[in-house]
Amino acid sequence: MRALRGATTIDVDSVEQIEERMIALLAELFDRNDIAHDDLISIIFTATSDINSEFPAAAARRFGLGDVPLLCAQELDIHGGTPLCLRVLIHLTTQRRRGELHHIYLEGAKGLRDDLPE
């Protein structure tokens, strides 16, 4: 079992933008890490306090993950934190070693974890 991280930002708090950006993030995570649906154990999503128009998990269900345990939570409201940010933590089974996983940060979240290999 491994955990895979990712994040993205939205420009405006809307259902359409949350869905578009979250699906783009999930697609990139799945593609870069060769994730199969049956590899998934669970997914935790967080959103900053300035996002309230949609649950990130709703976009994941539209992406085809409705049978995967999904949980949403609010990110800590820290001064200087990245605004309008959606984060994801995917728990999965994989034979890959930790260093072989590709954590994905898109849009305004690209600088959040520049210490991780691409």
PDB file of N, CA and C in Angstrom:
ATOM      1  N   MET A   1       0.847  -1.173   0.000  1.00  0.00           N
ATOM      2  CA  MET A   1       0.000   0.000   0.000  1.00  0.00           C
ATOM      3  C   MET A   1       0.891   1.233   0.000  1.00  0.00           C
ATOM      4  N   ARG A   2       0.486   2.209  -0.779  1.00  0.00           N
ATOM      5  CA  ARG A   2       1.198   3.485  -0.868  1.00  0.00           C
ATOM      6  C   ARG A   2       0.179   4.620  -0.828  1.00  0.00           C
ATOM      7  N   ALA A   3       0.683   5.827  -0.635  1.00  0.00           N
ATOM      8  CA  ALA A   3      -0.141   7.029  -0.682  1.00  0.00           C
ATOM      9  C   ALA A   3       0.437   7.954  -1.741  1.00  0.00           C
ATOM     10  N   LEU A   4      -0.443   8.578  -2.472  1.00  0.00           N
ATOM     11  CA  LEU A   4      -0.074   9.445  -3.584  1.00  0.00           C
ATOM     12  C   LEU A   4      -0.724  10.800  -3.371  1.00  0.00           C
ATOM     13  N   ARG A   5       0.056  11.869  -3.517  1.00  0.00           N
ATOM     14  CA  ARG A   5      -0.453  13.221  -3.270  1.00  0.00           C
ATOM     15  C   ARG A   5      -0.598  14.002  -4.561  1.00  0.00           C
ATOM     16  N   GLY A   6      -1.490  15.000  -4.502  1.00  0.00           N
ATOM     17  CA  GLY A   6      -1.644  15.925  -5.604  1.00  0.00           C
ATOM     18  C   GLY A   6      -2.427  17.139  -5.161  1.00  0.00           C
ATOM     19  N   ALA A   7      -2.339  18.193  -5.948  1.00  0.00           N
ATOM     20  CA  ALA A   7      -3.084  19.414  -5.641  1.00  0.00           C
ATOM     21  C   ALA A   7      -3.250  20.232  -6.910  1.00  0.00           C
ATOM     22  N   THR A   8      -4.255  21.067  -6.889  1.00  0.00           N
ATOM     23  CA  THR A   8      -4.497  22.016  -7.964  1.00  0.00           C
ATOM     24  C   THR A   8      -5.189  23.219  -7.360  1.00  0.00           C
ATOM     25  N   THR A   9      -5.343  24.256  -8.132  1.00  0.00           N
ATOM     26  CA  THR A   9      -6.099  25.417  -7.695  1.00  0.00           C
ATOM     27  C   THR A   9      -7.179  25.728  -8.719  1.00  0.00           C
ATOM     28  N   ILE A  10      -8.151  26.511  -8.277  1.00  0.00           N
ATOM     29  CA  ILE A  10      -9.181  27.015  -9.180  1.00  0.00           C
ATOM     30  C   ILE A  10      -9.049  28.526  -9.230  1.00  0.00           C
ATOM     31  N   ASP A  11      -9.561  29.134 -10.281  1.00  0.00           N
ATOM     32  CA  ASP A  11      -9.526  30.588 -10.420  1.00  0.00           C
ATOM     33  C   ASP A  11     -10.758  31.225  -9.809  1.00  0.00           C
ATOM     34  N   VAL A  12     -11.866  30.480  -9.836  1.00  0.00           N
ATOM     35  CA  VAL A  12     -13.132  30.969  -9.309  1.00  0.00           C
ATOM     36  C   VAL A  12     -13.859  29.795  -8.662  1.00  0.00           C
ATOM     37  N   ASP A  13     -14.540  30.049  -7.553  1.00  0.00           N
ATOM     38  CA  ASP A  13     -15.248  28.995  -6.837  1.00  0.00           C
ATOM     39  C   ASP A  13     -16.561  28.689  -7.555  1.00  0.00           C
ATOM     40  N   SER A  14     -16.513  27.714  -8.445  1.00  0.00           N
ATOM     41  CA  SER A  14     -17.715  27.302  -9.174  1.00  0.00           C
ATOM     42  C   SER A  14     -17.705  25.789  -9.345  1.00  0.00           C
ATOM     43  N   VAL A  15     -18.888  25.229  -9.451  1.00  0.00           N
ATOM     44  CA  VAL A  15     -19.018  23.784  -9.663  1.00  0.00           C
ATOM     45  C   VAL A  15     -18.241  23.366 -10.903  1.00  0.00           C
ATOM     46  N   GLU A  16     -18.380  24.126 -11.975  1.00  0.00           N
ATOM     47  CA  GLU A  16     -17.739  23.775 -13.243  1.00  0.00           C
ATOM     48  C   GLU A  16     -16.215  23.763 -13.126  1.00  0.00           C
ATOM     49  N   GLN A  17     -15.666  24.776 -12.438  1.00  0.00           N
ATOM     50  CA  GLN A  17     -14.209  24.833 -12.356  1.00  0.00           C
ATOM     51  C   GLN A  17     -13.662  23.767 -11.406  1.00  0.00           C
ATOM     52  N   ILE A  18     -14.358  23.505 -10.320  1.00  0.00           N
ATOM     53  CA  ILE A  18     -13.922  22.439  -9.415  1.00  0.00           C
ATOM     54  C   ILE A  18     -13.919  21.108 -10.153  1.00  0.00           C
ATOM     55  N   GLU A  19     -14.984  20.843 -10.886  1.00  0.00           N
ATOM     56  CA  GLU A  19     -15.054  19.582 -11.636  1.00  0.00           C
ATOM     57  C   GLU A  19     -13.939  19.500 -12.678  1.00  0.00           C
ATOM     58  N   GLU A  20     -13.758  20.559 -13.443  1.00  0.00           N
ATOM     59  CA  GLU A  20     -12.736  20.566 -14.502  1.00  0.00           C
ATOM     60  C   GLU A  20     -11.339  20.342 -13.934  1.00  0.00           C
ATOM     61  N   ARG A  21     -10.976  21.080 -12.895  1.00  0.00           N
ATOM     62  CA  ARG A  21      -9.623  20.994 -12.348  1.00  0.00           C
ATOM     63  C   ARG A  21      -9.395  19.689 -11.583  1.00  0.00           C
ATOM     64  N   MET A  22     -10.409  19.219 -10.855  1.00  0.00           N
ATOM     65  CA  MET A  22     -10.233  17.978 -10.099  1.00  0.00           C
ATOM     66  C   MET A  22     -10.119  16.788 -11.049  1.00  0.00           C
ATOM     67  N   ILE A  23     -10.927  16.767 -12.092  1.00  0.00           N
ATOM     68  CA  ILE A  23     -10.834  15.671 -13.062  1.00  0.00           C
ATOM     69  C   ILE A  23      -9.490  15.706 -13.790  1.00  0.00           C
ATOM     70  N   ALA A  24      -9.002  16.906 -14.113  1.00  0.00           N
ATOM     71  CA  ALA A  24      -7.678  17.016 -14.751  1.00  0.00           C
ATOM     72  C   ALA A  24      -6.591  16.493 -13.818  1.00  0.00           C
ATOM     73  N   LEU A  25      -6.691  16.806 -12.533  1.00  0.00           N
ATOM     74  CA  LEU A  25      -5.703  16.330 -11.561  1.00  0.00           C
ATOM     75  C   LEU A  25      -5.757  14.808 -11.422  1.00  0.00           C
ATOM     76  N   LEU A  26      -6.948  14.274 -11.262  1.00  0.00           N
ATOM     77  CA  LEU A  26      -7.087  12.820 -11.131  1.00  0.00           C
ATOM     78  C   LEU A  26      -6.592  12.103 -12.382  1.00  0.00           C
ATOM     79  N   ALA A  27      -6.940  12.622 -13.552  1.00  0.00           N
ATOM     80  CA  ALA A  27      -6.506  12.002 -14.808  1.00  0.00           C
ATOM     81  C   ALA A  27      -4.980  11.976 -14.904  1.00  0.00           C
ATOM     82  N   GLU A  28      -4.346  13.071 -14.517  1.00  0.00           N
ATOM     83  CA  GLU A  28      -2.880  13.135 -14.568  1.00  0.00           C
ATOM     84  C   GLU A  28      -2.253  12.177 -13.545  1.00  0.00           C
ATOM     85  N   LEU A  29      -2.813  12.114 -12.336  1.00  0.00           N
ATOM     86  CA  LEU A  29      -2.320  11.184 -11.328  1.00  0.00           C
ATOM     87  C   LEU A  29      -2.440   9.737 -11.807  1.00  0.00           C
ATOM     88  N   PHE A  30      -3.601   9.393 -12.373  1.00  0.00           N
ATOM     89  CA  PHE A  30      -3.832   8.028 -12.854  1.00  0.00           C
ATOM     90  C   PHE A  30      -2.902   7.705 -14.017  1.00  0.00           C
ATOM     91  N   ASP A  31      -2.755   8.634 -14.944  1.00  0.00           N
ATOM     92  CA  ASP A  31      -1.930   8.401 -16.128  1.00  0.00           C
ATOM     93  C   ASP A  31      -0.449   8.279 -15.777  1.00  0.00           C
ATOM     94  N   ARG A  32       0.067   9.233 -15.017  1.00  0.00           N
ATOM     95  CA  ARG A  32       1.504   9.241 -14.700  1.00  0.00           C
ATOM     96  C   ARG A  32       1.916   8.078 -13.809  1.00  0.00           C
ATOM     97  N   ASN A  33       0.950   7.531 -13.041  1.00  0.00           N
ATOM     98  CA  ASN A  33       1.269   6.462 -12.106  1.00  0.00           C
ATOM     99  C   ASN A  33       0.683   5.117 -12.506  1.00  0.00           C
ATOM    100  N   ASP A  34       0.097   5.072 -13.702  1.00  0.00           N
ATOM    101  CA  ASP A  34      -0.471   3.829 -14.226  1.00  0.00           C
ATOM    102  C   ASP A  34      -1.399   3.157 -13.211  1.00  0.00           C
ATOM    103  N   ILE A  35      -2.335   3.956 -12.673  1.00  0.00           N
ATOM    104  CA  ILE A  35      -3.266   3.464 -11.660  1.00  0.00           C
ATOM    105  C   ILE A  35      -4.472   2.828 -12.339  1.00  0.00           C
ATOM    106  N   ALA A  36      -4.797   1.635 -11.912  1.00  0.00           N
ATOM    107  CA  ALA A  36      -6.028   0.967 -12.340  1.00  0.00           C
ATOM    108  C   ALA A  36      -7.079   1.173 -11.255  1.00  0.00           C
ATOM    109  N   HIS A  37      -8.323   1.173 -11.665  1.00  0.00           N
ATOM    110  CA  HIS A  37      -9.428   1.396 -10.729  1.00  0.00           C
ATOM    111  C   HIS A  37      -9.355   0.441  -9.536  1.00  0.00           C
ATOM    112  N   ASP A  38      -9.046  -0.803  -9.768  1.00  0.00           N
ATOM    113  CA  ASP A  38      -8.995  -1.793  -8.697  1.00  0.00           C
ATOM    114  C   ASP A  38      -7.796  -1.617  -7.760  1.00  0.00           C
ATOM    115  N   ASP A  39      -6.865  -0.741  -8.114  1.00  0.00           N
ATOM    116  CA  ASP A  39      -5.731  -0.439  -7.237  1.00  0.00           C
ATOM    117  C   ASP A  39      -6.133   0.459  -6.068  1.00  0.00           C
ATOM    118  N   LEU A  40      -7.253   1.163  -6.228  1.00  0.00           N
ATOM    119  CA  LEU A  40      -7.647   2.181  -5.256  1.00  0.00           C
ATOM    120  C   LEU A  40      -8.193   1.583  -3.970  1.00  0.00           C
ATOM    121  N   ILE A  41      -7.777   2.163  -2.848  1.00  0.00           N
ATOM    122  CA  ILE A  41      -8.294   1.792  -1.540  1.00  0.00           C
ATOM    123  C   ILE A  41      -9.252   2.873  -1.057  1.00  0.00           C
ATOM    124  N   SER A  42      -8.788   4.129  -1.018  1.00  0.00           N
ATOM    125  CA  SER A  42      -9.623   5.258  -0.629  1.00  0.00           C
ATOM    126  C   SER A  42      -8.950   6.544  -1.069  1.00  0.00           C
ATOM    127  N   ILE A  43      -9.744   7.631  -1.053  1.00  0.00           N
ATOM    128  CA  ILE A  43      -9.213   8.937  -1.445  1.00  0.00           C
ATOM    129  C   ILE A  43      -9.741   9.984  -0.469  1.00  0.00           C
ATOM    130  N   ILE A  44      -8.829  10.827   0.014  1.00  0.00           N
ATOM    131  CA  ILE A  44      -9.194  11.953   0.870  1.00  0.00           C
ATOM    132  C   ILE A  44      -8.958  13.237   0.072  1.00  0.00           C
ATOM    133  N   PHE A  45      -9.948  14.110   0.080  1.00  0.00           N
ATOM    134  CA  PHE A  45      -9.864  15.405  -0.594  1.00  0.00           C
ATOM    135  C   PHE A  45      -9.934  16.503   0.463  1.00  0.00           C
ATOM    136  N   THR A  46      -9.175  17.570   0.266  1.00  0.00           N
ATOM    137  CA  THR A  46      -9.359  18.754   1.092  1.00  0.00           C
ATOM    138  C   THR A  46      -9.535  19.958   0.172  1.00  0.00           C
ATOM    139  N   ALA A  47     -10.214  20.957   0.707  1.00  0.00           N
ATOM    140  CA  ALA A  47     -10.403  22.222   0.000  1.00  0.00           C
ATOM    141  C   ALA A  47     -10.151  23.344   1.004  1.00  0.00           C
ATOM    142  N   THR A  48      -9.562  24.426   0.533  1.00  0.00           N
ATOM    143  CA  THR A  48      -9.365  25.576   1.408  1.00  0.00           C
ATOM    144  C   THR A  48     -10.717  26.198   1.743  1.00  0.00           C
ATOM    145  N   SER A  49     -10.743  27.009   2.794  1.00  0.00           N
ATOM    146  CA  SER A  49     -12.010  27.553   3.302  1.00  0.00           C
ATOM    147  C   SER A  49     -12.702  28.501   2.336  1.00  0.00           C
ATOM    148  N   ASP A  50     -12.014  28.952   1.297  1.00  0.00           N
ATOM    149  CA  ASP A  50     -12.630  29.848   0.310  1.00  0.00           C
ATOM    150  C   ASP A  50     -13.332  29.076  -0.818  1.00  0.00           C
ATOM    151  N   ILE A  51     -13.401  27.755  -0.711  1.00  0.00           N
ATOM    152  CA  ILE A  51     -14.116  26.920  -1.685  1.00  0.00           C
ATOM    153  C   ILE A  51     -15.327  26.313  -1.006  1.00  0.00           C
ATOM    154  N   ASN A  52     -16.512  26.626  -1.544  1.00  0.00           N
ATOM    155  CA  ASN A  52     -17.729  26.088  -0.928  1.00  0.00           C
ATOM    156  C   ASN A  52     -18.858  25.804  -1.910  1.00  0.00           C
ATOM    157  N   SER A  53     -18.570  25.793  -3.195  1.00  0.00           N
ATOM    158  CA  SER A  53     -19.637  25.562  -4.168  1.00  0.00           C
ATOM    159  C   SER A  53     -19.837  24.090  -4.523  1.00  0.00           C
ATOM    160  N   GLU A  54     -18.877  23.224  -4.199  1.00  0.00           N
ATOM    161  CA  GLU A  54     -18.975  21.818  -4.582  1.00  0.00           C
ATOM    162  C   GLU A  54     -18.003  20.985  -3.751  1.00  0.00           C
ATOM    163  N   PHE A  55     -18.387  19.742  -3.473  1.00  0.00           N
ATOM    164  CA  PHE A  55     -17.477  18.795  -2.848  1.00  0.00           C
ATOM    165  C   PHE A  55     -16.513  18.282  -3.915  1.00  0.00           C
ATOM    166  N   PRO A  56     -15.199  18.277  -3.661  1.00  0.00           N
ATOM    167  CA  PRO A  56     -14.268  17.700  -4.646  1.00  0.00           C
ATOM    168  C   PRO A  56     -14.596  16.244  -4.970  1.00  0.00           C
ATOM    169  N   ALA A  57     -15.130  15.509  -4.014  1.00  0.00           N
ATOM    170  CA  ALA A  57     -15.474  14.102  -4.258  1.00  0.00           C
ATOM    171  C   ALA A  57     -16.577  13.960  -5.302  1.00  0.00           C
ATOM    172  N   ALA A  58     -17.413  14.978  -5.454  1.00  0.00           N
ATOM    173  CA  ALA A  58     -18.457  14.911  -6.479  1.00  0.00           C
ATOM    174  C   ALA A  58     -17.832  14.822  -7.874  1.00  0.00           C
ATOM    175  N   ALA A  59     -16.757  15.546  -8.090  1.00  0.00           N
ATOM    176  CA  ALA A  59     -16.045  15.464  -9.372  1.00  0.00           C
ATOM    177  C   ALA A  59     -15.425  14.081  -9.540  1.00  0.00           C
ATOM    178  N   ALA A  60     -14.913  13.519  -8.464  1.00  0.00           N
ATOM    179  CA  ALA A  60     -14.324  12.171  -8.530  1.00  0.00           C
ATOM    180  C   ALA A  60     -15.381  11.136  -8.883  1.00  0.00           C
ATOM    181  N   ARG A  61     -16.582  11.295  -8.367  1.00  0.00           N
ATOM    182  CA  ARG A  61     -17.666  10.369  -8.729  1.00  0.00           C
ATOM    183  C   ARG A  61     -17.976  10.485 -10.216  1.00  0.00           C
ATOM    184  N   ARG A  62     -17.979  11.704 -10.746  1.00  0.00           N
ATOM    185  CA  ARG A  62     -18.225  11.881 -12.180  1.00  0.00           C
ATOM    186  C   ARG A  62     -17.062  11.334 -13.013  1.00  0.00           C
ATOM    187  N   PHE A  63     -15.890  11.226 -12.408  1.00  0.00           N
ATOM    188  CA  PHE A  63     -14.710  10.656 -13.056  1.00  0.00           C
ATOM    189  C   PHE A  63     -14.782   9.132 -13.068  1.00  0.00           C
ATOM    190  N   GLY A  64     -15.769   8.566 -12.362  1.00  0.00           N
ATOM    191  CA  GLY A  64     -15.959   7.123 -12.355  1.00  0.00           C
ATOM    192  C   GLY A  64     -15.534   6.439 -11.067  1.00  0.00           C
ATOM    193  N   LEU A  65     -15.353   7.214 -10.007  1.00  0.00           N
ATOM    194  CA  LEU A  65     -14.861   6.648  -8.756  1.00  0.00           C
ATOM    195  C   LEU A  65     -15.950   6.526  -7.696  1.00  0.00           C
ATOM    196  N   GLY A  66     -17.177   6.378  -8.105  1.00  0.00           N
ATOM    197  CA  GLY A  66     -18.296   6.320  -7.178  1.00  0.00           C
ATOM    198  C   GLY A  66     -18.276   5.144  -6.222  1.00  0.00           C
ATOM    199  N   ASP A  67     -17.597   4.066  -6.572  1.00  0.00           N
ATOM    200  CA  ASP A  67     -17.548   2.896  -5.693  1.00  0.00           C
ATOM    201  C   ASP A  67     -16.308   2.880  -4.795  1.00  0.00           C
ATOM    202  N   VAL A  68     -15.496   3.924  -4.865  1.00  0.00           N
ATOM    203  CA  VAL A  68     -14.297   4.048  -4.042  1.00  0.00           C
ATOM    204  C   VAL A  68     -14.647   4.889  -2.813  1.00  0.00           C
ATOM    205  N   PRO A  69     -14.221   4.509  -1.616  1.00  0.00           N
ATOM    206  CA  PRO A  69     -14.476   5.344  -0.444  1.00  0.00           C
ATOM    207  C   PRO A  69     -13.803   6.713  -0.610  1.00  0.00           C
ATOM    208  N   LEU A  70     -14.608   7.770  -0.559  1.00  0.00           N
ATOM    209  CA  LEU A  70     -14.146   9.140  -0.753  1.00  0.00           C
ATOM    210  C   LEU A  70     -14.514   9.966   0.473  1.00  0.00           C
ATOM    211  N   LEU A  71     -13.626  10.854   0.890  1.00  0.00           N
ATOM    212  CA  LEU A  71     -13.874  11.701   2.046  1.00  0.00           C
ATOM    213  C   LEU A  71     -13.381  13.105   1.749  1.00  0.00           C
ATOM    214  N   CYS A  72     -14.194  14.109   2.087  1.00  0.00           N
ATOM    215  CA  CYS A  72     -13.803  15.512   1.930  1.00  0.00           C
ATOM    216  C   CYS A  72     -13.599  16.136   3.305  1.00  0.00           C
ATOM    217  N   ALA A  73     -12.645  17.056   3.395  1.00  0.00           N
ATOM    218  CA  ALA A  73     -12.376  17.794   4.621  1.00  0.00           C
ATOM    219  C   ALA A  73     -11.920  19.199   4.243  1.00  0.00           C
ATOM    220  N   GLN A  74     -11.973  20.094   5.219  1.00  0.00           N
ATOM    221  CA  GLN A  74     -11.494  21.448   4.983  1.00  0.00           C
ATOM    222  C   GLN A  74     -10.028  21.539   5.365  1.00  0.00           C
ATOM    223  N   GLU A  75      -9.242  22.137   4.492  1.00  0.00           N
ATOM    224  CA  GLU A  75      -7.819  22.359   4.738  1.00  0.00           C
ATOM    225  C   GLU A  75      -7.670  23.406   5.847  1.00  0.00           C
ATOM    226  N   LEU A  76      -6.588  23.340   6.587  1.00  0.00           N
ATOM    227  CA  LEU A  76      -6.320  24.351   7.603  1.00  0.00           C
ATOM    228  C   LEU A  76      -6.226  25.733   6.968  1.00  0.00           C
ATOM    229  N   ASP A  77      -6.755  26.736   7.642  1.00  0.00           N
ATOM    230  CA  ASP A  77      -6.746  28.118   7.152  1.00  0.00           C
ATOM    231  C   ASP A  77      -5.513  28.822   7.720  1.00  0.00           C
ATOM    232  N   ILE A  78      -4.391  28.691   7.034  1.00  0.00           N
ATOM    233  CA  ILE A  78      -3.107  29.200   7.490  1.00  0.00           C
ATOM    234  C   ILE A  78      -2.749  30.470   6.719  1.00  0.00           C
ATOM    235  N   HIS A  79      -2.300  31.516   7.446  1.00  0.00           N
ATOM    236  CA  HIS A  79      -1.858  32.750   6.781  1.00  0.00           C
ATOM    237  C   HIS A  79      -0.758  32.419   5.782  1.00  0.00           C
ATOM    238  N   GLY A  80      -0.894  32.932   4.582  1.00  0.00           N
ATOM    239  CA  GLY A  80       0.096  32.699   3.539  1.00  0.00           C
ATOM    240  C   GLY A  80      -0.101  31.408   2.767  1.00  0.00           C
ATOM    241  N   GLY A  81      -1.131  30.632   3.121  1.00  0.00           N
ATOM    242  CA  GLY A  81      -1.414  29.399   2.397  1.00  0.00           C
ATOM    243  C   GLY A  81      -1.924  29.683   0.988  1.00  0.00           C
ATOM    244  N   THR A  82      -1.875  28.685   0.150  1.00  0.00           N
ATOM    245  CA  THR A  82      -2.338  28.818  -1.228  1.00  0.00           C
ATOM    246  C   THR A  82      -3.865  28.904  -1.242  1.00  0.00           C
ATOM    247  N   PRO A  83      -4.425  29.997  -1.766  1.00  0.00           N
ATOM    248  CA  PRO A  83      -5.890  30.124  -1.803  1.00  0.00           C
ATOM    249  C   PRO A  83      -6.509  29.274  -2.908  1.00  0.00           C
ATOM    250  N   LEU A  84      -7.804  29.024  -2.763  1.00  0.00           N
ATOM    251  CA  LEU A  84      -8.587  28.293  -3.768  1.00  0.00           C
ATOM    252  C   LEU A  84      -7.885  26.991  -4.180  1.00  0.00           C
ATOM    253  N   CYS A  85      -7.437  26.242  -3.184  1.00  0.00           N
ATOM    254  CA  CYS A  85      -6.622  25.052  -3.429  1.00  0.00           C
ATOM    255  C   CYS A  85      -7.379  23.770  -3.077  1.00  0.00           C
ATOM    256  N   LEU A  86      -7.288  22.812  -3.954  1.00  0.00           N
ATOM    257  CA  LEU A  86      -7.861  21.471  -3.778  1.00  0.00           C
ATOM    258  C   LEU A  86      -6.714  20.479  -3.689  1.00  0.00           C
ATOM    259  N   ARG A  87      -6.743  19.650  -2.643  1.00  0.00           N
ATOM    260  CA  ARG A  87      -5.696  18.655  -2.470  1.00  0.00           C
ATOM    261  C   ARG A  87      -6.314  17.263  -2.450  1.00  0.00           C
ATOM    262  N   VAL A  88      -5.496  16.275  -2.781  1.00  0.00           N
ATOM    263  CA  VAL A  88      -5.960  14.894  -2.802  1.00  0.00           C
ATOM    264  C   VAL A  88      -4.865  13.983  -2.241  1.00  0.00           C
ATOM    265  N   LEU A  89      -5.305  12.982  -1.491  1.00  0.00           N
ATOM    266  CA  LEU A  89      -4.424  11.941  -0.972  1.00  0.00           C
ATOM    267  C   LEU A  89      -5.061  10.605  -1.350  1.00  0.00           C
ATOM    268  N   ILE A  90      -4.392   9.879  -2.236  1.00  0.00           N
ATOM    269  CA  ILE A  90      -4.911   8.617  -2.751  1.00  0.00           C
ATOM    270  C   ILE A  90      -4.175   7.465  -2.072  1.00  0.00           C
ATOM    271  N   HIS A  91      -4.930   6.551  -1.484  1.00  0.00           N
ATOM    272  CA  HIS A  91      -4.361   5.322  -0.922  1.00  0.00           C
ATOM    273  C   HIS A  91      -4.582   4.221  -1.960  1.00  0.00           C
ATOM    274  N   LEU A  92      -3.511   3.515  -2.315  1.00  0.00           N
ATOM    275  CA  LEU A  92      -3.618   2.513  -3.360  1.00  0.00           C
ATOM    276  C   LEU A  92      -2.656   1.358  -3.122  1.00  0.00           C
ATOM    277  N   THR A  93      -2.960   0.259  -3.777  1.00  0.00           N
ATOM    278  CA  THR A  93      -2.028  -0.864  -3.786  1.00  0.00           C
ATOM    279  C   THR A  93      -1.189  -0.749  -5.052  1.00  0.00           C
ATOM    280  N   THR A  94       0.093  -0.952  -4.897  1.00  0.00           N
ATOM    281  CA  THR A  94       1.003  -0.864  -6.031  1.00  0.00           C
ATOM    282  C   THR A  94       2.297  -1.582  -5.681  1.00  0.00           C
ATOM    283  N   GLN A  95       2.982  -2.038  -6.704  1.00  0.00           N
ATOM    284  CA  GLN A  95       4.297  -2.649  -6.524  1.00  0.00           C
ATOM    285  C   GLN A  95       5.402  -1.604  -6.595  1.00  0.00           C
ATOM    286  N   ARG A  96       5.051  -0.391  -6.996  1.00  0.00           N
ATOM    287  CA  ARG A  96       6.050   0.676  -7.108  1.00  0.00           C
ATOM    288  C   ARG A  96       6.593   1.054  -5.737  1.00  0.00           C
ATOM    289  N   ARG A  97       7.877   1.382  -5.738  1.00  0.00           N
ATOM    290  CA  ARG A  97       8.480   1.902  -4.510  1.00  0.00           C
ATOM    291  C   ARG A  97       8.075   3.362  -4.351  1.00  0.00           C
ATOM    292  N   ARG A  98       8.158   3.843  -3.137  1.00  0.00           N
ATOM    293  CA  ARG A  98       7.743   5.217  -2.821  1.00  0.00           C
ATOM    294  C   ARG A  98       8.385   6.238  -3.769  1.00  0.00           C
ATOM    295  N   GLY A  99       9.663   6.092  -4.046  1.00  0.00           N
ATOM    296  CA  GLY A  99      10.375   7.031  -4.901  1.00  0.00           C
ATOM    297  C   GLY A  99       9.994   6.953  -6.374  1.00  0.00           C
ATOM    298  N   GLU A 100       9.241   5.945  -6.752  1.00  0.00           N
ATOM    299  CA  GLU A 100       8.822   5.786  -8.151  1.00  0.00           C
ATOM    300  C   GLU A 100       7.458   6.404  -8.424  1.00  0.00           C
ATOM    301  N   LEU A 101       6.787   6.881  -7.389  1.00  0.00           N
ATOM    302  CA  LEU A 101       5.473   7.503  -7.575  1.00  0.00           C
ATOM    303  C   LEU A 101       5.630   8.947  -8.018  1.00  0.00           C
ATOM    304  N   HIS A 102       4.693   9.395  -8.821  1.00  0.00           N
ATOM    305  CA  HIS A 102       4.699  10.769  -9.323  1.00  0.00           C
ATOM    306  C   HIS A 102       3.559  11.540  -8.673  1.00  0.00           C
ATOM    307  N   HIS A 103       3.905  12.395  -7.710  1.00  0.00           N
ATOM    308  CA  HIS A 103       2.933  13.279  -7.085  1.00  0.00           C
ATOM    309  C   HIS A 103       2.714  14.442  -8.052  1.00  0.00           C
ATOM    310  N   ILE A 104       1.484  14.876  -8.214  1.00  0.00           N
ATOM    311  CA  ILE A 104       1.153  15.853  -9.255  1.00  0.00           C
ATOM    312  C   ILE A 104       0.609  17.135  -8.634  1.00  0.00           C
ATOM    313  N   TYR A 105       1.190  18.263  -9.026  1.00  0.00           N
ATOM    314  CA  TYR A 105       0.745  19.577  -8.570  1.00  0.00           C
ATOM    315  C   TYR A 105       0.534  20.442  -9.813  1.00  0.00           C
ATOM    316  N   LEU A 106      -0.711  20.897  -9.992  1.00  0.00           N
ATOM    317  CA  LEU A 106      -1.091  21.639 -11.190  1.00  0.00           C
ATOM    318  C   LEU A 106      -1.512  23.076 -10.856  1.00  0.00           C
ATOM    319  N   GLU A 107      -1.603  23.881 -11.889  1.00  0.00           N
ATOM    320  CA  GLU A 107      -2.071  25.268 -11.782  1.00  0.00           C
ATOM    321  C   GLU A 107      -1.274  26.014 -10.715  1.00  0.00           C
ATOM    322  N   GLY A 108      -1.958  26.729  -9.828  1.00  0.00           N
ATOM    323  CA  GLY A 108      -1.287  27.513  -8.795  1.00  0.00           C
ATOM    324  C   GLY A 108      -0.708  26.700  -7.666  1.00  0.00           C
ATOM    325  N   ALA A 109      -0.880  25.385  -7.703  1.00  0.00           N
ATOM    326  CA  ALA A 109      -0.338  24.504  -6.665  1.00  0.00           C
ATOM    327  C   ALA A 109       1.036  23.952  -7.041  1.00  0.00           C
ATOM    328  N   LYS A 110       1.556  24.332  -8.198  1.00  0.00           N
ATOM    329  CA  LYS A 110       2.824  23.760  -8.680  1.00  0.00           C
ATOM    330  C   LYS A 110       3.980  23.962  -7.718  1.00  0.00           C
ATOM    331  N   GLY A 111       3.993  25.052  -6.976  1.00  0.00           N
ATOM    332  CA  GLY A 111       5.108  25.335  -6.075  1.00  0.00           C
ATOM    333  C   GLY A 111       4.951  24.768  -4.679  1.00  0.00           C
ATOM    334  N   LEU A 112       3.850  24.069  -4.408  1.00  0.00           N
ATOM    335  CA  LEU A 112       3.620  23.563  -3.057  1.00  0.00           C
ATOM    336  C   LEU A 112       4.664  22.548  -2.628  1.00  0.00           C
ATOM    337  N   ARG A 113       5.057  21.669  -3.511  1.00  0.00           N
ATOM    338  CA  ARG A 113       6.003  20.605  -3.166  1.00  0.00           C
ATOM    339  C   ARG A 113       7.070  20.487  -4.233  1.00  0.00           C
ATOM    340  N   ASP A 114       7.859  21.531  -4.390  1.00  0.00           N
ATOM    341  CA  ASP A 114       8.907  21.486  -5.400  1.00  0.00           C
ATOM    342  C   ASP A 114      10.092  20.611  -4.972  1.00  0.00           C
ATOM    343  N   ASP A 115       9.999  20.024  -3.766  1.00  0.00           N
ATOM    344  CA  ASP A 115      11.034  19.106  -3.310  1.00  0.00           C
ATOM    345  C   ASP A 115      10.823  17.680  -3.793  1.00  0.00           C
ATOM    346  N   LEU A 116       9.663  17.410  -4.375  1.00  0.00           N
ATOM    347  CA  LEU A 116       9.361  16.055  -4.840  1.00  0.00           C
ATOM    348  C   LEU A 116       9.810  15.861  -6.284  1.00  0.00           C
ATOM    349  N   PRO A 117      10.256  14.661  -6.628  1.00  0.00           N
ATOM    350  CA  PRO A 117      10.621  14.419  -8.035  1.00  0.00           C
ATOM    351  C   PRO A 117       9.389  14.481  -8.928  1.00  0.00           C
ATOM    352  N   GLU A 118       9.582  14.910 -10.140  1.00  0.00           N
ATOM    353  CA  GLU A 118       8.466  15.033 -11.075  1.00  0.00           C
ATOM    354  C   GLU A 118       8.133  13.761 -11.777  1.00  0.00           C
TER     355      GLU A 118
END
